[in-house]
C-alpha cells in the first residue's frame, strides 16, 4: 500500500531486500558489486529490511527523507540519463542533492565503491516494521561490513 501511495508500482519495482530474496528463491545468483555493498546486501537479505549506503566523502551535511519536488532530477546508479521526478516519490537528500529514491535506487554520485573509506548506512522502515527490527538490521549491517571489510563501525541515533 505504501508503494502505491508514493507513486511506485510494487509489481514492477521492489524494495531492495525483497528483490534480493526473490533472486535467491528463483535460483539466480546474487549481484556482486564490491565487498562493502555485498556485505550490507547480505544484511538486508538476513533481516529482510531494505538498506542503503552512501560514501560519506560525497555527502554534504546530514541526510533528510522527504517528498521529491516536481521537476527535481535524479541520477541513479547505472542510469544513462537522470530521471525527472514528479513530486510523489519519497527521496533522501543531503544539503545539496538527492542521494536516493526510497527504497530502491541510490544515486551514482554518492555510491559506495571499492575506494570508499567511510560510509553511512541508512535503515528506514515503513508502517508495521518496529524500531527493534530496524535496530537489528542496522546492527547486522555494521557487523557484516566490519567483519568482511575491516574498519570500525557503530550504530548511530534513530531519527
N, C-alpha and C. Protein backbone atom coordinates (compact mmCIF):
# COMPACT_ATOMS: atom_id res chain seq x y z
N UNK A 1 0.81 -1.19 0.00
CA UNK A 1 0.00 0.00 0.00
C UNK A 1 0.87 1.27 0.00
N UNK A 2 1.96 1.25 0.78
CA UNK A 2 2.85 2.41 0.84
C UNK A 2 3.41 2.73 -0.54
N UNK A 3 3.84 1.71 -1.27
CA UNK A 3 4.43 1.95 -2.60
C UNK A 3 3.45 2.68 -3.51
N UNK A 4 2.21 2.20 -3.54
CA UNK A 4 1.23 2.86 -4.40
C UNK A 4 1.08 4.32 -4.00
N UNK A 5 1.10 4.61 -2.70
CA UNK A 5 0.92 5.99 -2.22
C UNK A 5 2.05 6.90 -2.65
N UNK A 6 3.25 6.34 -2.83
CA UNK A 6 4.39 7.17 -3.21
C UNK A 6 4.76 7.02 -4.68
N UNK A 7 3.81 6.53 -5.48
CA UNK A 7 4.00 6.51 -6.92
C UNK A 7 4.85 5.40 -7.48
N UNK A 8 4.97 4.30 -6.75
CA UNK A 8 5.78 3.17 -7.22
C UNK A 8 4.86 1.96 -7.39
N UNK A 9 4.95 1.32 -8.54
CA UNK A 9 4.18 0.11 -8.79
C UNK A 9 4.96 -1.07 -8.21
N UNK A 10 4.49 -1.64 -7.08
CA UNK A 10 5.25 -2.71 -6.43
C UNK A 10 5.28 -4.01 -7.21
N UNK A 11 4.52 -4.12 -8.29
CA UNK A 11 4.60 -5.31 -9.12
C UNK A 11 5.75 -5.20 -10.12
N UNK A 12 6.30 -3.99 -10.26
CA UNK A 12 7.40 -3.75 -11.20
C UNK A 12 8.70 -3.38 -10.50
N UNK A 13 8.60 -2.64 -9.41
CA UNK A 13 9.77 -2.20 -8.66
C UNK A 13 9.61 -2.68 -7.23
N UNK A 14 10.61 -3.39 -6.75
CA UNK A 14 10.53 -3.96 -5.40
C UNK A 14 11.59 -3.32 -4.50
N UNK A 15 11.31 -3.30 -3.18
CA UNK A 15 12.36 -2.85 -2.26
C UNK A 15 13.58 -3.75 -2.44
N UNK A 16 14.75 -3.20 -2.19
CA UNK A 16 16.00 -3.93 -2.43
C UNK A 16 16.02 -5.28 -1.71
N UNK A 17 15.62 -5.32 -0.44
CA UNK A 17 15.66 -6.58 0.31
C UNK A 17 14.78 -7.63 -0.36
N UNK A 18 13.59 -7.25 -0.77
CA UNK A 18 12.68 -8.19 -1.42
C UNK A 18 13.24 -8.66 -2.75
N UNK A 19 13.81 -7.75 -3.52
CA UNK A 19 14.37 -8.11 -4.82
C UNK A 19 15.51 -9.13 -4.65
N UNK A 20 16.34 -8.94 -3.62
CA UNK A 20 17.44 -9.88 -3.38
C UNK A 20 16.92 -11.25 -2.96
N UNK A 21 15.94 -11.29 -2.07
CA UNK A 21 15.37 -12.56 -1.63
C UNK A 21 14.70 -13.27 -2.80
N UNK A 22 14.00 -12.53 -3.65
CA UNK A 22 13.35 -13.13 -4.82
C UNK A 22 14.38 -13.76 -5.77
N UNK A 23 15.55 -13.12 -5.89
CA UNK A 23 16.61 -13.70 -6.74
C UNK A 23 17.03 -15.06 -6.20
N UNK A 24 17.22 -15.12 -4.88
CA UNK A 24 17.64 -16.38 -4.25
C UNK A 24 16.58 -17.45 -4.47
N UNK A 25 15.32 -17.11 -4.22
CA UNK A 25 14.24 -18.08 -4.37
C UNK A 25 14.08 -18.55 -5.82
N UNK A 26 14.45 -17.70 -6.77
CA UNK A 26 14.36 -18.07 -8.18
C UNK A 26 15.60 -18.82 -8.66
N UNK A 27 16.56 -19.02 -7.77
CA UNK A 27 17.78 -19.73 -8.13
C UNK A 27 18.77 -18.90 -8.92
N UNK A 28 18.60 -17.60 -8.91
CA UNK A 28 19.50 -16.71 -9.63
C UNK A 28 20.65 -16.28 -8.72
N UNK A 29 21.81 -16.02 -9.28
CA UNK A 29 22.93 -15.57 -8.43
C UNK A 29 22.69 -14.14 -7.93
N UNK A 30 23.27 -13.88 -6.78
CA UNK A 30 23.21 -12.51 -6.26
C UNK A 30 24.19 -11.64 -7.03
N UNK A 31 23.85 -10.39 -7.22
CA UNK A 31 24.82 -9.50 -7.87
C UNK A 31 26.02 -9.30 -6.95
N UNK A 32 27.20 -9.20 -7.55
CA UNK A 32 28.39 -8.88 -6.77
C UNK A 32 28.88 -7.52 -7.24
N UNK A 33 28.94 -6.59 -6.30
CA UNK A 33 29.34 -5.22 -6.61
C UNK A 33 30.75 -4.96 -6.09
N UNK A 34 30.89 -5.00 -4.79
CA UNK A 34 32.17 -4.92 -4.09
C UNK A 34 31.94 -5.44 -2.68
N UNK A 35 33.00 -5.64 -1.90
CA UNK A 35 32.85 -6.26 -0.58
C UNK A 35 31.88 -5.51 0.33
N UNK A 36 31.91 -4.19 0.30
CA UNK A 36 31.05 -3.42 1.19
C UNK A 36 29.59 -3.57 0.78
N UNK A 37 29.28 -3.33 -0.48
CA UNK A 37 27.90 -3.44 -0.95
C UNK A 37 27.39 -4.87 -0.77
N UNK A 38 28.23 -5.85 -1.11
CA UNK A 38 27.82 -7.24 -0.94
C UNK A 38 27.54 -7.56 0.53
N UNK A 39 28.31 -6.98 1.45
CA UNK A 39 28.12 -7.22 2.88
C UNK A 39 26.80 -6.65 3.38
N UNK A 40 26.48 -5.41 3.01
CA UNK A 40 25.21 -4.89 3.51
C UNK A 40 24.03 -5.47 2.74
N UNK A 41 24.25 -5.95 1.51
CA UNK A 41 23.18 -6.69 0.83
C UNK A 41 22.87 -7.99 1.58
N UNK A 42 23.91 -8.67 2.08
CA UNK A 42 23.68 -9.88 2.88
C UNK A 42 22.90 -9.55 4.15
N UNK A 43 23.23 -8.42 4.77
CA UNK A 43 22.48 -8.00 5.97
C UNK A 43 21.03 -7.72 5.62
N UNK A 44 20.80 -7.13 4.47
CA UNK A 44 19.44 -6.84 4.02
C UNK A 44 18.66 -8.15 3.80
N UNK A 45 19.32 -9.13 3.20
CA UNK A 45 18.68 -10.43 2.98
C UNK A 45 18.36 -11.09 4.32
N UNK A 46 19.33 -11.08 5.23
CA UNK A 46 19.13 -11.74 6.53
C UNK A 46 18.01 -11.10 7.33
N UNK A 47 17.93 -9.79 7.33
CA UNK A 47 16.97 -9.08 8.17
C UNK A 47 15.66 -8.74 7.45
N UNK A 48 15.65 -8.87 6.12
CA UNK A 48 14.50 -8.53 5.28
C UNK A 48 14.14 -7.04 5.37
N UNK A 49 15.15 -6.22 5.64
CA UNK A 49 14.97 -4.77 5.71
C UNK A 49 15.83 -4.14 4.63
N UNK A 50 15.24 -3.23 3.86
CA UNK A 50 16.00 -2.53 2.82
C UNK A 50 17.02 -1.61 3.47
N UNK A 51 18.24 -1.67 3.00
CA UNK A 51 19.33 -0.83 3.49
C UNK A 51 19.92 -0.05 2.32
N UNK A 52 20.42 1.11 2.62
CA UNK A 52 21.15 1.89 1.62
C UNK A 52 22.45 2.34 2.27
N UNK A 53 23.45 2.55 1.47
CA UNK A 53 24.72 3.05 2.00
C UNK A 53 25.25 4.13 1.07
N UNK A 54 25.92 5.09 1.66
CA UNK A 54 26.41 6.23 0.91
C UNK A 54 27.86 6.52 1.29
N UNK A 55 28.63 6.96 0.31
CA UNK A 55 30.00 7.37 0.51
C UNK A 55 29.98 8.71 1.25
N UNK A 56 30.42 8.71 2.50
CA UNK A 56 30.37 9.91 3.34
C UNK A 56 31.14 11.06 2.71
N UNK A 57 32.23 10.76 2.00
CA UNK A 57 33.03 11.82 1.38
C UNK A 57 32.27 12.57 0.30
N UNK A 58 31.18 12.01 -0.20
CA UNK A 58 30.36 12.66 -1.23
C UNK A 58 29.11 13.32 -0.66
N UNK A 59 28.91 13.24 0.65
CA UNK A 59 27.74 13.84 1.27
C UNK A 59 28.06 15.23 1.82
N UNK A 60 27.08 16.10 1.77
CA UNK A 60 27.21 17.45 2.33
C UNK A 60 26.16 17.58 3.43
N UNK A 61 26.62 17.58 4.68
CA UNK A 61 25.70 17.69 5.81
C UNK A 61 24.95 16.40 6.05
N UNK A 62 23.87 16.49 6.83
CA UNK A 62 23.08 15.32 7.18
C UNK A 62 22.12 14.91 6.09
N UNK A 63 21.48 13.77 6.30
CA UNK A 63 20.50 13.26 5.34
C UNK A 63 19.09 13.60 5.81
N UNK A 64 18.21 13.78 4.83
CA UNK A 64 16.83 14.08 5.13
C UNK A 64 15.94 13.27 4.18
N UNK A 65 14.89 12.69 4.73
CA UNK A 65 13.91 11.98 3.92
C UNK A 65 12.73 12.93 3.70
N UNK A 66 12.31 13.02 2.44
CA UNK A 66 11.23 13.96 2.10
C UNK A 66 10.56 13.52 0.81
N UNK A 67 9.52 14.24 0.43
CA UNK A 67 8.88 14.02 -0.86
C UNK A 67 9.66 14.78 -1.93
N UNK A 68 9.81 14.17 -3.08
CA UNK A 68 10.52 14.82 -4.19
C UNK A 68 9.79 16.09 -4.60
N UNK A 69 10.55 17.05 -5.06
CA UNK A 69 9.97 18.28 -5.61
C UNK A 69 9.68 18.06 -7.09
N UNK A 70 8.54 18.51 -7.58
CA UNK A 70 8.24 18.34 -9.00
C UNK A 70 9.36 18.92 -9.88
N UNK A 71 9.81 18.12 -10.84
CA UNK A 71 10.87 18.57 -11.74
C UNK A 71 12.27 18.28 -11.24
N UNK A 72 12.43 17.82 -10.02
CA UNK A 72 13.75 17.51 -9.47
C UNK A 72 14.37 16.37 -10.28
N UNK A 73 15.67 16.46 -10.52
CA UNK A 73 16.40 15.47 -11.32
C UNK A 73 17.11 14.48 -10.39
N UNK A 74 17.08 13.20 -10.79
CA UNK A 74 17.77 12.16 -10.03
C UNK A 74 18.56 11.28 -10.97
N UNK A 75 19.87 11.15 -10.70
CA UNK A 75 20.76 10.30 -11.49
C UNK A 75 21.15 9.09 -10.66
N UNK A 76 20.49 7.97 -10.88
CA UNK A 76 20.75 6.76 -10.13
C UNK A 76 21.91 5.96 -10.69
N UNK A 77 22.38 5.03 -9.89
CA UNK A 77 23.48 4.15 -10.31
C UNK A 77 23.08 3.43 -11.59
N UNK A 78 23.94 3.51 -12.58
CA UNK A 78 23.72 2.81 -13.84
C UNK A 78 22.79 3.50 -14.82
N UNK A 79 22.23 4.64 -14.44
CA UNK A 79 21.32 5.34 -15.35
C UNK A 79 22.13 6.17 -16.35
N UNK A 80 21.73 6.12 -17.62
CA UNK A 80 22.42 6.91 -18.65
C UNK A 80 22.00 8.38 -18.58
N UNK A 81 20.76 8.61 -18.24
CA UNK A 81 20.22 9.97 -18.14
C UNK A 81 19.47 10.10 -16.82
N UNK A 82 19.52 11.27 -16.20
CA UNK A 82 18.73 11.46 -14.97
C UNK A 82 17.24 11.39 -15.28
N UNK A 83 16.47 10.98 -14.28
CA UNK A 83 15.03 10.99 -14.45
C UNK A 83 14.46 12.21 -13.75
N UNK A 84 13.37 12.70 -14.30
CA UNK A 84 12.70 13.85 -13.70
C UNK A 84 11.60 13.34 -12.79
N UNK A 85 11.62 13.78 -11.54
CA UNK A 85 10.64 13.33 -10.56
C UNK A 85 9.40 14.22 -10.59
N UNK A 86 8.29 13.62 -10.24
CA UNK A 86 7.01 14.32 -10.34
C UNK A 86 6.56 14.97 -9.03
N UNK A 87 7.23 14.67 -7.95
CA UNK A 87 6.81 15.24 -6.67
C UNK A 87 5.99 14.28 -5.84
N UNK A 88 5.99 12.99 -6.21
CA UNK A 88 5.23 11.99 -5.47
C UNK A 88 6.17 11.07 -4.70
N UNK A 89 7.29 10.69 -5.30
CA UNK A 89 8.19 9.71 -4.70
C UNK A 89 8.88 10.25 -3.45
N UNK A 90 9.23 9.32 -2.56
CA UNK A 90 9.99 9.65 -1.37
C UNK A 90 11.47 9.59 -1.73
N UNK A 91 12.21 10.61 -1.35
CA UNK A 91 13.63 10.68 -1.67
C UNK A 91 14.44 10.93 -0.41
N UNK A 92 15.73 10.68 -0.52
CA UNK A 92 16.68 11.02 0.54
C UNK A 92 17.65 12.02 -0.08
N UNK A 93 17.89 13.11 0.63
CA UNK A 93 18.81 14.13 0.12
C UNK A 93 19.79 14.54 1.22
N UNK A 94 20.92 15.07 0.77
CA UNK A 94 21.79 15.76 1.71
C UNK A 94 21.48 17.24 1.54
N UNK A 95 22.35 18.12 1.93
CA UNK A 95 22.07 19.55 1.84
C UNK A 95 22.08 20.08 0.40
N UNK A 96 22.66 19.31 -0.54
CA UNK A 96 22.81 19.79 -1.90
C UNK A 96 22.10 18.97 -2.98
N UNK A 97 21.94 17.68 -2.74
CA UNK A 97 21.49 16.81 -3.84
C UNK A 97 20.71 15.61 -3.32
N UNK A 98 20.04 14.96 -4.27
CA UNK A 98 19.37 13.70 -3.96
C UNK A 98 20.39 12.58 -3.92
N UNK A 99 20.26 11.70 -2.93
CA UNK A 99 21.17 10.56 -2.84
C UNK A 99 20.44 9.22 -2.99
N UNK A 100 19.10 9.25 -2.96
CA UNK A 100 18.34 8.01 -3.16
C UNK A 100 16.88 8.32 -3.44
N UNK A 101 16.27 7.41 -4.20
CA UNK A 101 14.82 7.35 -4.29
C UNK A 101 14.47 6.14 -3.43
N UNK A 102 13.75 6.39 -2.36
CA UNK A 102 13.47 5.36 -1.37
C UNK A 102 12.38 4.43 -1.87
N UNK A 103 12.50 3.15 -1.66
CA UNK A 103 13.59 2.37 -1.07
C UNK A 103 14.32 1.50 -2.09
N UNK A 104 14.50 1.99 -3.30
CA UNK A 104 15.01 1.06 -4.30
C UNK A 104 16.14 1.57 -5.17
N UNK A 105 16.52 2.84 -5.12
CA UNK A 105 17.55 3.32 -6.04
C UNK A 105 18.42 4.36 -5.38
N UNK A 106 19.75 4.13 -5.42
CA UNK A 106 20.73 5.08 -4.87
C UNK A 106 21.35 5.90 -5.99
N UNK A 107 21.84 7.06 -5.64
CA UNK A 107 22.43 7.96 -6.62
C UNK A 107 23.85 7.51 -6.99
N UNK A 108 24.20 7.75 -8.23
CA UNK A 108 25.53 7.41 -8.71
C UNK A 108 26.61 8.23 -7.99
N UNK A 109 26.34 9.50 -7.77
CA UNK A 109 27.34 10.41 -7.19
C UNK A 109 27.81 9.96 -5.80
N UNK A 110 26.92 9.43 -4.99
CA UNK A 110 27.27 9.09 -3.61
C UNK A 110 27.36 7.58 -3.38
N UNK A 111 27.47 6.81 -4.47
CA UNK A 111 27.51 5.35 -4.33
C UNK A 111 28.78 4.89 -3.61
N UNK A 112 28.67 3.71 -3.02
CA UNK A 112 29.79 3.09 -2.33
C UNK A 112 30.59 2.30 -3.36
N UNK A 113 31.86 2.61 -3.47
CA UNK A 113 32.74 1.90 -4.40
C UNK A 113 33.86 1.22 -3.62
N UNK A 114 34.71 0.51 -4.33
CA UNK A 114 35.83 -0.17 -3.65
C UNK A 114 36.80 0.83 -3.04
N UNK A 115 36.77 2.08 -3.49
CA UNK A 115 37.64 3.11 -2.92
C UNK A 115 37.02 3.91 -1.78
N UNK A 116 35.79 3.60 -1.41
CA UNK A 116 35.12 4.32 -0.33
C UNK A 116 35.84 4.06 0.99
N UNK A 117 36.12 5.11 1.72
CA UNK A 117 36.83 5.00 3.01
C UNK A 117 35.87 5.08 4.20
N UNK A 118 34.77 5.79 4.02
CA UNK A 118 33.82 5.99 5.12
C UNK A 118 32.41 5.95 4.54
N UNK A 119 31.54 5.17 5.16
CA UNK A 119 30.19 5.09 4.63
C UNK A 119 29.15 5.29 5.72
N UNK A 120 27.97 5.66 5.27
CA UNK A 120 26.81 5.78 6.14
C UNK A 120 25.78 4.81 5.63
N UNK A 121 25.28 3.97 6.54
CA UNK A 121 24.23 3.03 6.18
C UNK A 121 22.91 3.60 6.69
N UNK A 122 21.94 3.62 5.81
CA UNK A 122 20.62 4.14 6.14
C UNK A 122 19.66 2.96 6.28
N UNK A 123 19.00 2.89 7.42
CA UNK A 123 18.00 1.86 7.70
C UNK A 123 16.68 2.60 7.88
N UNK A 124 15.75 2.37 6.97
CA UNK A 124 14.45 3.04 7.06
C UNK A 124 13.35 2.02 7.06
N UNK A 125 12.35 2.29 7.84
CA UNK A 125 11.23 1.37 7.91
C UNK A 125 10.00 1.94 7.25
N UNK A 126 8.98 1.16 7.28
CA UNK A 126 7.66 1.55 6.79
C UNK A 126 6.68 1.19 7.90
N UNK A 127 5.47 1.71 7.81
CA UNK A 127 4.48 1.35 8.84
C UNK A 127 4.38 -0.16 9.01
N UNK A 128 4.38 -0.59 10.26
CA UNK A 128 4.28 -2.02 10.56
C UNK A 128 5.61 -2.67 10.88
N UNK A 129 6.72 -1.99 10.63
CA UNK A 129 8.03 -2.53 10.98
C UNK A 129 8.50 -1.80 12.23
N UNK A 130 8.69 -2.54 13.31
CA UNK A 130 9.04 -1.95 14.59
C UNK A 130 10.48 -1.46 14.67
N UNK A 131 10.69 -0.57 15.62
CA UNK A 131 12.02 0.01 15.82
C UNK A 131 13.06 -1.06 16.15
N UNK A 132 12.67 -2.10 16.89
CA UNK A 132 13.63 -3.15 17.25
C UNK A 132 14.11 -3.90 16.00
N UNK A 133 13.24 -4.09 15.02
CA UNK A 133 13.62 -4.75 13.77
C UNK A 133 14.62 -3.88 13.00
N UNK A 134 14.37 -2.58 12.98
CA UNK A 134 15.27 -1.65 12.29
C UNK A 134 16.63 -1.58 12.99
N UNK A 135 16.61 -1.54 14.30
CA UNK A 135 17.86 -1.51 15.06
C UNK A 135 18.68 -2.77 14.79
N UNK A 136 18.01 -3.92 14.78
CA UNK A 136 18.71 -5.18 14.49
C UNK A 136 19.28 -5.18 13.08
N UNK A 137 18.55 -4.67 12.12
CA UNK A 137 19.06 -4.60 10.74
C UNK A 137 20.32 -3.74 10.69
N UNK A 138 20.31 -2.62 11.38
CA UNK A 138 21.50 -1.76 11.43
C UNK A 138 22.67 -2.45 12.09
N UNK A 139 22.39 -3.16 13.19
CA UNK A 139 23.45 -3.88 13.90
C UNK A 139 24.06 -4.95 13.00
N UNK A 140 23.23 -5.72 12.31
CA UNK A 140 23.72 -6.78 11.42
C UNK A 140 24.53 -6.17 10.28
N UNK A 141 24.06 -5.06 9.72
CA UNK A 141 24.80 -4.41 8.62
C UNK A 141 26.19 -3.97 9.09
N UNK A 142 26.25 -3.32 10.24
CA UNK A 142 27.55 -2.88 10.77
C UNK A 142 28.45 -4.10 11.04
N UNK A 143 27.87 -5.15 11.61
CA UNK A 143 28.63 -6.37 11.90
C UNK A 143 29.19 -6.98 10.62
N UNK A 144 28.37 -7.13 9.59
CA UNK A 144 28.83 -7.75 8.35
C UNK A 144 29.87 -6.89 7.63
N UNK A 145 29.63 -5.60 7.56
CA UNK A 145 30.59 -4.73 6.86
C UNK A 145 31.93 -4.73 7.57
N UNK A 146 31.95 -4.63 8.89
CA UNK A 146 33.24 -4.61 9.60
C UNK A 146 33.90 -5.98 9.57
N UNK A 147 33.10 -7.05 9.63
CA UNK A 147 33.68 -8.40 9.59
C UNK A 147 34.30 -8.71 8.23
N UNK A 148 33.61 -8.38 7.15
CA UNK A 148 34.09 -8.75 5.82
C UNK A 148 34.97 -7.71 5.15
N UNK A 149 34.94 -6.47 5.69
CA UNK A 149 35.69 -5.39 5.02
C UNK A 149 36.71 -4.71 5.93
N UNK A 150 36.65 -4.98 7.21
CA UNK A 150 37.57 -4.33 8.16
C UNK A 150 37.02 -2.98 8.60
N UNK A 151 37.84 -2.26 9.30
CA UNK A 151 37.43 -0.96 9.79
C UNK A 151 36.64 -1.06 11.08
N UNK A 152 36.03 0.04 11.44
CA UNK A 152 35.21 0.09 12.65
C UNK A 152 33.84 0.63 12.28
N UNK A 153 32.88 0.34 13.10
CA UNK A 153 31.54 0.83 12.85
C UNK A 153 30.78 0.98 14.14
N UNK A 154 29.71 1.77 14.07
CA UNK A 154 28.86 1.94 15.23
C UNK A 154 27.46 2.29 14.76
N UNK A 155 26.50 1.95 15.60
CA UNK A 155 25.12 2.34 15.31
C UNK A 155 24.95 3.79 15.75
N UNK A 156 24.28 4.54 14.96
CA UNK A 156 24.02 5.94 15.26
C UNK A 156 22.59 6.07 15.75
N UNK A 157 22.20 7.27 16.00
CA UNK A 157 20.86 7.53 16.51
C UNK A 157 19.77 7.26 15.49
N UNK A 158 18.61 6.98 16.00
CA UNK A 158 17.44 6.81 15.13
C UNK A 158 16.77 8.17 15.00
N UNK A 159 16.38 8.51 13.80
CA UNK A 159 15.71 9.78 13.57
C UNK A 159 14.22 9.59 13.49
